[in-house]
Amino acid sequence: QVQLVESGGGLVPPGGSLRLSCSASGSLFSLSVLGWYRQVPGKQRELVARIESDGTATYVGSVKGRFTISRDNAKNMVFLQMNSLNAEDTGVYYCNKDFRIWGQGTQVTVSS
């Protein structure tokens, strides 16, 4: 059974940076579509960034130029580098594999 485990969340002041990591178990990781989603209370979970098996990355408009998604297939990991954070980036960030497997989430809070 594939499992995803996120890490790297925390409290950061506006303008700061965080790097989220997601470790995946199971095989065929290099063929997977990997994504980072964000959820805030009272709202639906939304896609933040996605990376295809060929490395093509897609971002939601609000994070373009500030966030970078990357993957390390040798280590079965996906990352989200988040720079210039603001309060609107606050939420629980979830790692996703192939649109169907979810991690447990990691809290990101941007506040002074």
Protein backbone atom coordinates (compact mmCIF):
# COMPACT_ATOMS: atom_id res chain seq x y z
CA GLN A 1 0.00 0.00 0.00
CA VAL A 2 1.39 3.36 -1.05
CA GLN A 3 1.86 5.90 1.70
CA LEU A 4 2.81 9.56 1.55
CA VAL A 5 4.40 11.40 4.48
CA GLU A 6 4.78 15.17 4.44
CA SER A 7 7.17 17.23 6.53
CA GLY A 8 8.56 20.75 6.69
CA GLY A 9 5.56 22.81 7.71
CA GLY A 10 5.62 25.37 10.48
CA LEU A 11 5.20 28.99 11.48
CA VAL A 12 6.97 31.58 9.36
CA PRO A 13 6.72 35.39 9.20
CA PRO A 14 5.48 37.13 6.06
CA GLY A 15 8.20 37.21 3.43
CA GLY A 16 9.80 34.06 4.77
CA SER A 17 10.44 30.69 3.16
CA LEU A 18 9.66 27.06 3.83
CA ARG A 19 10.48 23.85 2.04
CA LEU A 20 7.95 21.03 2.21
CA SER A 21 8.98 17.45 1.60
CA CYS A 22 6.91 14.38 0.81
CA SER A 23 8.25 10.86 0.96
CA ALA A 24 6.43 8.09 -0.88
CA SER A 25 6.51 4.35 -0.48
CA GLY A 26 5.74 1.91 -3.27
CA SER A 27 7.00 1.40 -6.79
CA LEU A 28 6.70 3.20 -10.13
CA PHE A 29 7.21 6.56 -8.42
CA SER A 30 8.98 7.95 -11.48
CA LEU A 31 5.84 7.43 -13.58
CA SER A 32 3.56 9.23 -11.14
CA VAL A 33 1.96 12.64 -11.28
CA LEU A 34 2.70 14.37 -7.99
CA GLY A 35 0.96 17.36 -6.53
CA TRP A 36 0.78 19.70 -3.58
CA TYR A 37 -2.65 20.87 -2.46
CA ARG A 38 -3.71 23.38 0.16
CA GLN A 39 -6.80 23.51 2.34
CA VAL A 40 -8.05 26.19 4.70
CA PRO A 41 -11.03 25.86 7.05
CA GLY A 42 -14.33 26.24 5.27
CA LYS A 43 -12.87 25.92 1.80
CA GLN A 44 -12.25 23.11 -0.63
CA ARG A 45 -8.82 21.64 -1.04
CA GLU A 46 -7.13 23.34 -3.97
CA LEU A 47 -4.21 22.46 -6.20
CA VAL A 48 -1.10 24.53 -5.55
CA ALA A 49 1.41 22.84 -7.85
CA ARG A 50 1.73 19.65 -9.86
CA ILE A 51 4.64 17.94 -11.54
CA GLU A 52 4.33 15.36 -14.28
CA SER A 53 6.53 12.32 -14.76
CA ASP A 54 8.55 14.24 -17.38
CA GLY A 55 9.19 17.10 -14.96
CA THR A 56 6.63 19.51 -16.40
CA ALA A 57 5.35 21.72 -13.58
CA THR A 58 2.05 23.56 -13.24
CA TYR A 59 1.20 26.20 -10.63
CA VAL A 60 -1.91 27.99 -9.46
CA GLY A 61 -1.69 31.65 -10.38
CA SER A 62 -1.27 32.98 -6.86
CA VAL A 63 2.00 31.09 -6.29
CA LYS A 64 3.66 31.46 -9.69
CA GLY A 65 7.13 32.90 -9.35
CA ARG A 66 7.21 32.21 -5.60
CA PHE A 67 6.81 28.42 -5.29
CA THR A 68 8.80 25.69 -7.00
CA ILE A 69 7.82 22.03 -7.13
CA SER A 70 10.50 19.42 -7.76
CA ARG A 71 10.95 15.69 -7.51
CA ASP A 72 13.72 13.23 -6.77
CA ASN A 73 12.75 9.92 -8.31
CA ALA A 74 15.77 8.13 -6.89
CA LYS A 75 14.57 8.94 -3.38
CA ASN A 76 10.81 8.74 -4.05
CA MET A 77 10.36 12.31 -2.87
CA VAL A 78 8.64 15.47 -4.00
CA PHE A 79 9.34 18.95 -2.68
CA LEU A 80 7.69 22.35 -2.58
CA GLN A 81 9.98 25.34 -2.09
CA MET A 82 7.88 28.28 -0.94
CA ASN A 83 9.35 31.78 -0.98
CA SER A 84 7.93 35.23 -0.27
CA LEU A 85 5.19 33.69 1.83
CA ASN A 86 2.15 35.73 2.78
CA ALA A 87 -0.87 35.20 5.02
CA GLU A 88 -2.94 33.84 2.14
CA ASP A 89 -0.55 30.91 1.88
CA THR A 90 -1.60 29.67 5.32
CA GLY A 91 -3.25 26.27 5.33
CA VAL A 92 -2.73 22.54 5.55
CA TYR A 93 -0.61 21.32 2.66
CA TYR A 94 -1.20 17.83 1.32
CA CYS A 95 0.96 15.74 -0.95
CA ASN A 96 -0.87 13.79 -3.64
CA LYS A 97 0.12 10.95 -5.93
CA ASP A 98 -1.73 10.20 -9.15
CA PHE A 99 -4.80 12.16 -8.06
CA ARG A 100 -5.88 9.46 -5.62
CA ILE A 101 -3.37 8.95 -2.79
CA TRP A 102 -3.04 11.56 -0.06
CA GLY A 103 -0.65 12.25 2.75
CA GLN A 104 -1.76 13.31 6.21
CA GLY A 105 -0.96 16.98 5.62
CA THR A 106 1.39 19.49 7.19
CA GLN A 107 0.36 22.85 8.62
CA VAL A 108 1.85 26.04 7.21
CA THR A 109 1.11 29.24 9.09
CA VAL A 110 2.33 32.60 7.84
CA SER A 111 2.04 35.17 10.57
CA SER A 112 4.07 37.83 12.34
